[in-house]
């Protein structure tokens, strides 16, 4: 019974992962964080802050 329960939980986790598109969000976080390390990142403070907020929102869905 335990093995069946584990398999069921894995299927549920896979379904949730794909429905929330977590893999895509994680990749997007990496790409956007790379942008924040560019020397001209803070040249447009409003745009920079918006990007940082977007990253934080994606992290809430994926990491926390």
PDB file of N, CA and C in Angstrom:
ATOM      1  N   UNK A   1       0.833  -1.193   0.000  1.00  0.00           N
ATOM      2  CA  UNK A   1       0.000   0.000   0.000  1.00  0.00           C
ATOM      3  C   UNK A   1       0.876   1.255   0.000  1.00  0.00           C
ATOM      4  N   UNK A   2       1.950   1.251   0.725  1.00  0.00           N
ATOM      5  CA  UNK A   2       2.808   2.431   0.800  1.00  0.00           C
ATOM      6  C   UNK A   2       3.400   2.790  -0.554  1.00  0.00           C
ATOM      7  N   UNK A   3       3.804   1.786  -1.304  1.00  0.00           N
ATOM      8  CA  UNK A   3       4.390   2.046  -2.614  1.00  0.00           C
ATOM      9  C   UNK A   3       3.347   2.677  -3.538  1.00  0.00           C
ATOM     10  N   UNK A   4       2.119   2.199  -3.456  1.00  0.00           N
ATOM     11  CA  UNK A   4       1.042   2.773  -4.261  1.00  0.00           C
ATOM     12  C   UNK A   4       0.779   4.220  -3.854  1.00  0.00           C
ATOM     13  N   UNK A   5       0.832   4.493  -2.564  1.00  0.00           N
ATOM     14  CA  UNK A   5       0.624   5.855  -2.074  1.00  0.00           C
ATOM     15  C   UNK A   5       1.733   6.781  -2.560  1.00  0.00           C
ATOM     16  N   UNK A   6       2.953   6.313  -2.520  1.00  0.00           N
ATOM     17  CA  UNK A   6       4.092   7.112  -2.991  1.00  0.00           C
ATOM     18  C   UNK A   6       3.935   7.406  -4.480  1.00  0.00           C
ATOM     19  N   UNK A   7       3.580   6.390  -5.258  1.00  0.00           N
ATOM     20  CA  UNK A   7       3.390   6.591  -6.695  1.00  0.00           C
ATOM     21  C   UNK A   7       2.262   7.585  -6.964  1.00  0.00           C
ATOM     22  N   UNK A   8       1.183   7.493  -6.189  1.00  0.00           N
ATOM     23  CA  UNK A   8       0.071   8.421  -6.337  1.00  0.00           C
ATOM     24  C   UNK A   8       0.509   9.849  -6.023  1.00  0.00           C
ATOM     25  N   UNK A   9       1.278  10.006  -4.954  1.00  0.00           N
ATOM     26  CA  UNK A   9       1.776  11.335  -4.582  1.00  0.00           C
ATOM     27  C   UNK A   9       2.712  11.899  -5.646  1.00  0.00           C
ATOM     28  N   UNK A  10       3.538  11.056  -6.243  1.00  0.00           N
ATOM     29  CA  UNK A  10       4.433  11.514  -7.316  1.00  0.00           C
ATOM     30  C   UNK A  10       3.628  11.994  -8.517  1.00  0.00           C
ATOM     31  N   UNK A  11       2.574  11.267  -8.853  1.00  0.00           N
ATOM     32  CA  UNK A  11       1.719  11.679  -9.972  1.00  0.00           C
ATOM     33  C   UNK A  11       1.060  13.019  -9.686  1.00  0.00           C
ATOM     34  N   UNK A  12       0.603  13.190  -8.470  1.00  0.00           N
ATOM     35  CA  UNK A  12      -0.017  14.464  -8.078  1.00  0.00           C
ATOM     36  C   UNK A  12       0.997  15.609  -8.139  1.00  0.00           C
ATOM     37  N   UNK A  13       2.185  15.345  -7.638  1.00  0.00           N
ATOM     38  CA  UNK A  13       3.238  16.362  -7.665  1.00  0.00           C
ATOM     39  C   UNK A  13       3.589  16.740  -9.095  1.00  0.00           C
ATOM     40  N   UNK A  14       3.720  15.756  -9.968  1.00  0.00           N
ATOM     41  CA  UNK A  14       4.004  16.030 -11.380  1.00  0.00           C
ATOM     42  C   UNK A  14       2.895  16.863 -12.011  1.00  0.00           C
ATOM     43  N   UNK A  15       1.655  16.541 -11.682  1.00  0.00           N
ATOM     44  CA  UNK A  15       0.521  17.293 -12.224  1.00  0.00           C
ATOM     45  C   UNK A  15       0.550  18.743 -11.745  1.00  0.00           C
ATOM     46  N   UNK A  16       0.835  18.932 -10.462  1.00  0.00           N
ATOM     47  CA  UNK A  16       0.906  20.293  -9.927  1.00  0.00           C
ATOM     48  C   UNK A  16       2.072  21.062 -10.522  1.00  0.00           C
ATOM     49  N   UNK A  17       3.202  20.397 -10.646  1.00  0.00           N
ATOM     50  CA  UNK A  17       4.382  21.052 -11.213  1.00  0.00           C
ATOM     51  C   UNK A  17       4.101  21.546 -12.624  1.00  0.00           C
ATOM     52  N   UNK A  18       3.484  20.713 -13.428  1.00  0.00           N
ATOM     53  CA  UNK A  18       3.208  21.120 -14.800  1.00  0.00           C
ATOM     54  C   UNK A  18       2.104  22.165 -14.863  1.00  0.00           C
ATOM     55  N   UNK A  19       1.106  22.070 -13.995  1.00  0.00           N
ATOM     56  CA  UNK A  19       0.020  23.050 -14.050  1.00  0.00           C
ATOM     57  C   UNK A  19       0.471  24.433 -13.596  1.00  0.00           C
ATOM     58  N   UNK A  20       1.408  24.490 -12.676  1.00  0.00           N
ATOM     59  CA  UNK A  20       1.930  25.784 -12.238  1.00  0.00           C
ATOM     60  C   UNK A  20       3.135  26.224 -13.058  1.00  0.00           C
ATOM     61  N   UNK A  21       3.581  25.390 -13.968  1.00  0.00           N
ATOM     62  CA  UNK A  21       4.686  25.687 -14.874  1.00  0.00           C
ATOM     63  C   UNK A  21       5.942  26.088 -14.093  1.00  0.00           C
ATOM     64  N   UNK A  22       6.247  25.337 -13.067  1.00  0.00           N
ATOM     65  CA  UNK A  22       7.343  25.650 -12.157  1.00  0.00           C
ATOM     66  C   UNK A  22       8.693  25.622 -12.870  1.00  0.00           C
ATOM     67  N   UNK A  23       8.921  24.629 -13.711  1.00  0.00           N
ATOM     68  CA  UNK A  23      10.206  24.546 -14.406  1.00  0.00           C
ATOM     69  C   UNK A  23      10.469  25.792 -15.246  1.00  0.00           C
ATOM     70  N   UNK A  24       9.449  26.254 -15.913  1.00  0.00           N
ATOM     71  CA  UNK A  24       9.586  27.461 -16.726  1.00  0.00           C
ATOM     72  C   UNK A  24       9.871  28.685 -15.859  1.00  0.00           C
ATOM     73  N   UNK A  25       9.181  28.768 -14.732  1.00  0.00           N
ATOM     74  CA  UNK A  25       9.409  29.898 -13.821  1.00  0.00           C
ATOM     75  C   UNK A  25      10.833  29.875 -13.263  1.00  0.00           C
ATOM     76  N   UNK A  26      11.328  28.698 -12.920  1.00  0.00           N
ATOM     77  CA  UNK A  26      12.696  28.598 -12.405  1.00  0.00           C
ATOM     78  C   UNK A  26      13.715  29.047 -13.452  1.00  0.00           C
ATOM     79  N   UNK A  27      13.502  28.653 -14.693  1.00  0.00           N
ATOM     80  CA  UNK A  27      14.397  29.073 -15.768  1.00  0.00           C
ATOM     81  C   UNK A  27      14.312  30.583 -15.974  1.00  0.00           C
ATOM     82  N   UNK A  28      13.113  31.115 -15.916  1.00  0.00           N
ATOM     83  CA  UNK A  28      12.918  32.551 -16.068  1.00  0.00           C
ATOM     84  C   UNK A  28      13.610  33.320 -14.933  1.00  0.00           C
ATOM     85  N   UNK A  29      13.543  32.791 -13.721  1.00  0.00           N
ATOM     86  CA  UNK A  29      14.214  33.431 -12.585  1.00  0.00           C
ATOM     87  C   UNK A  29      15.712  33.515 -12.839  1.00  0.00           C
ATOM     88  N   UNK A  30      16.305  32.437 -13.314  1.00  0.00           N
ATOM     89  CA  UNK A  30      17.746  32.439 -13.604  1.00  0.00           C
ATOM     90  C   UNK A  30      18.098  33.495 -14.638  1.00  0.00           C
ATOM     91  N   UNK A  31      17.304  33.560 -15.704  1.00  0.00           N
ATOM     92  CA  UNK A  31      17.571  34.530 -16.763  1.00  0.00           C
ATOM     93  C   UNK A  31      17.426  35.960 -16.262  1.00  0.00           C
ATOM     94  N   UNK A  32      16.364  36.210 -15.499  1.00  0.00           N
ATOM     95  CA  UNK A  32      16.124  37.559 -14.996  1.00  0.00           C
ATOM     96  C   UNK A  32      17.154  37.958 -13.941  1.00  0.00           C
ATOM     97  N   UNK A  33      17.583  37.016 -13.125  1.00  0.00           N
ATOM     98  CA  UNK A  33      18.624  37.342 -12.145  1.00  0.00           C
ATOM     99  C   UNK A  33      19.941  37.668 -12.838  1.00  0.00           C
ATOM    100  N   UNK A  34      20.209  37.058 -13.962  1.00  0.00           N
ATOM    101  CA  UNK A  34      21.416  37.389 -14.730  1.00  0.00           C
ATOM    102  C   UNK A  34      21.359  38.836 -15.201  1.00  0.00           C
ATOM    103  N   UNK A  35      20.179  39.291 -15.564  1.00  0.00           N
ATOM    104  CA  UNK A  35      20.008  40.679 -16.000  1.00  0.00           C
ATOM    105  C   UNK A  35      20.338  41.637 -14.867  1.00  0.00           C
ATOM    106  N   UNK A  36      19.985  41.258 -13.633  1.00  0.00           N
ATOM    107  CA  UNK A  36      20.221  42.156 -12.494  1.00  0.00           C
ATOM    108  C   UNK A  36      21.709  42.339 -12.196  1.00  0.00           C
ATOM    109  N   UNK A  37      22.553  41.487 -12.742  1.00  0.00           N
ATOM    110  CA  UNK A  37      23.993  41.598 -12.514  1.00  0.00           C
ATOM    111  C   UNK A  37      24.694  42.438 -13.577  1.00  0.00           C
ATOM    112  N   UNK A  38      23.942  42.914 -14.553  1.00  0.00           N
ATOM    113  CA  UNK A  38      24.551  43.741 -15.596  1.00  0.00           C
ATOM    114  C   UNK A  38      24.862  45.130 -15.036  1.00  0.00           C
ATOM    115  N   UNK A  39      25.962  45.724 -15.489  1.00  0.00           N
ATOM    116  CA  UNK A  39      26.386  47.018 -14.937  1.00  0.00           C
ATOM    117  C   UNK A  39      25.362  48.141 -15.116  1.00  0.00           C
ATOM    118  N   UNK A  40      24.567  48.080 -16.175  1.00  0.00           N
ATOM    119  CA  UNK A  40      23.606  49.156 -16.433  1.00  0.00           C
ATOM    120  C   UNK A  40      22.208  48.853 -15.896  1.00  0.00           C
ATOM    121  N   UNK A  41      22.095  47.875 -15.032  1.00  0.00           N
ATOM    122  CA  UNK A  41      20.787  47.440 -14.538  1.00  0.00           C
ATOM    123  C   UNK A  41      20.015  48.575 -13.878  1.00  0.00           C
ATOM    124  N   UNK A  42      20.672  49.398 -13.071  1.00  0.00           N
ATOM    125  CA  UNK A  42      19.987  50.455 -12.336  1.00  0.00           C
ATOM    126  C   UNK A  42      19.882  51.767 -13.109  1.00  0.00           C
ATOM    127  N   UNK A  43      20.228  51.760 -14.386  1.00  0.00           N
ATOM    128  CA  UNK A  43      20.087  52.986 -15.184  1.00  0.00           C
ATOM    129  C   UNK A  43      18.623  53.425 -15.278  1.00  0.00           C
ATOM    130  N   UNK A  44      17.703  52.506 -15.244  1.00  0.00           N
ATOM    131  CA  UNK A  44      16.266  52.787 -15.235  1.00  0.00           C
ATOM    132  C   UNK A  44      15.694  52.183 -13.949  1.00  0.00           C
ATOM    133  N   UNK A  45      15.685  52.965 -12.860  1.00  0.00           N
ATOM    134  CA  UNK A  45      15.295  52.431 -11.554  1.00  0.00           C
ATOM    135  C   UNK A  45      13.886  51.822 -11.517  1.00  0.00           C
ATOM    136  N   UNK A  46      12.934  52.440 -12.203  1.00  0.00           N
ATOM    137  CA  UNK A  46      11.569  51.906 -12.185  1.00  0.00           C
ATOM    138  C   UNK A  46      11.512  50.532 -12.857  1.00  0.00           C
ATOM    139  N   UNK A  47      12.199  50.401 -13.962  1.00  0.00           N
ATOM    140  CA  UNK A  47      12.242  49.120 -14.677  1.00  0.00           C
ATOM    141  C   UNK A  47      12.972  48.075 -13.827  1.00  0.00           C
ATOM    142  N   UNK A  48      14.043  48.495 -13.162  1.00  0.00           N
ATOM    143  CA  UNK A  48      14.812  47.577 -12.317  1.00  0.00           C
ATOM    144  C   UNK A  48      13.961  47.072 -11.156  1.00  0.00           C
ATOM    145  N   UNK A  49      13.249  47.977 -10.510  1.00  0.00           N
ATOM    146  CA  UNK A  49      12.396  47.587  -9.392  1.00  0.00           C
ATOM    147  C   UNK A  49      11.273  46.658  -9.850  1.00  0.00           C
ATOM    148  N   UNK A  50      10.704  46.919 -11.012  1.00  0.00           N
ATOM    149  CA  UNK A  50       9.645  46.060 -11.539  1.00  0.00           C
ATOM    150  C   UNK A  50      10.166  44.643 -11.795  1.00  0.00           C
ATOM    151  N   UNK A  51      11.375  44.553 -12.328  1.00  0.00           N
ATOM    152  CA  UNK A  51      11.963  43.244 -12.589  1.00  0.00           C
ATOM    153  C   UNK A  51      12.238  42.504 -11.281  1.00  0.00           C
ATOM    154  N   UNK A  52      12.734  43.205 -10.289  1.00  0.00           N
ATOM    155  CA  UNK A  52      12.994  42.577  -8.989  1.00  0.00           C
ATOM    156  C   UNK A  52      11.698  42.074  -8.344  1.00  0.00           C
ATOM    157  N   UNK A  53      10.614  42.841  -8.480  1.00  0.00           N
ATOM    158  CA  UNK A  53       9.324  42.403  -7.950  1.00  0.00           C
ATOM    159  C   UNK A  53       8.830  41.164  -8.687  1.00  0.00           C
ATOM    160  N   UNK A  54       9.024  41.131  -9.998  1.00  0.00           N
ATOM    161  CA  UNK A  54       8.625  39.972 -10.803  1.00  0.00           C
ATOM    162  C   UNK A  54       9.397  38.722 -10.376  1.00  0.00           C
ATOM    163  N   UNK A  55      10.682  38.892 -10.136  1.00  0.00           N
ATOM    164  CA  UNK A  55      11.504  37.772  -9.673  1.00  0.00           C
ATOM    165  C   UNK A  55      10.997  37.271  -8.324  1.00  0.00           C
ATOM    166  N   UNK A  56      10.716  38.186  -7.405  1.00  0.00           N
ATOM    167  CA  UNK A  56      10.234  37.800  -6.082  1.00  0.00           C
ATOM    168  C   UNK A  56       8.907  37.051  -6.175  1.00  0.00           C
ATOM    169  N   UNK A  57       8.013  37.510  -7.044  1.00  0.00           N
ATOM    170  CA  UNK A  57       6.729  36.844  -7.216  1.00  0.00           C
ATOM    171  C   UNK A  57       6.921  35.414  -7.719  1.00  0.00           C
ATOM    172  N   UNK A  58       7.792  35.240  -8.696  1.00  0.00           N
ATOM    173  CA  UNK A  58       8.064  33.900  -9.223  1.00  0.00           C
ATOM    174  C   UNK A  58       8.706  33.015  -8.160  1.00  0.00           C
ATOM    175  N   UNK A  59       9.560  33.588  -7.340  1.00  0.00           N
ATOM    176  CA  UNK A  59      10.190  32.809  -6.272  1.00  0.00           C
ATOM    177  C   UNK A  59       9.163  32.350  -5.248  1.00  0.00           C
ATOM    178  N   UNK A  60       8.164  33.180  -4.973  1.00  0.00           N
ATOM    179  CA  UNK A  60       7.108  32.771  -4.042  1.00  0.00           C
ATOM    180  C   UNK A  60       6.396  31.529  -4.546  1.00  0.00           C
ATOM    181  N   UNK A  61       6.168  31.449  -5.837  1.00  0.00           N
ATOM    182  CA  UNK A  61       5.466  30.316  -6.417  1.00  0.00           C
ATOM    183  C   UNK A  61       6.333  29.072  -6.510  1.00  0.00           C
ATOM    184  N   UNK A  62       7.638  29.241  -6.533  1.00  0.00           N
ATOM    185  CA  UNK A  62       8.491  28.101  -6.813  1.00  0.00           C
ATOM    186  C   UNK A  62       9.356  27.652  -5.654  1.00  0.00           C
ATOM    187  N   UNK A  63       9.846  28.557  -4.858  1.00  0.00           N
ATOM    188  CA  UNK A  63      10.856  28.215  -3.865  1.00  0.00           C
ATOM    189  C   UNK A  63      10.272  28.130  -2.462  1.00  0.00           C
ATOM    190  N   UNK A  64       9.405  29.029  -2.117  1.00  0.00           N
ATOM    191  CA  UNK A  64       8.905  29.070  -0.733  1.00  0.00           C
ATOM    192  C   UNK A  64       7.865  28.019  -0.478  1.00  0.00           C
TER     193      UNK A  64
END
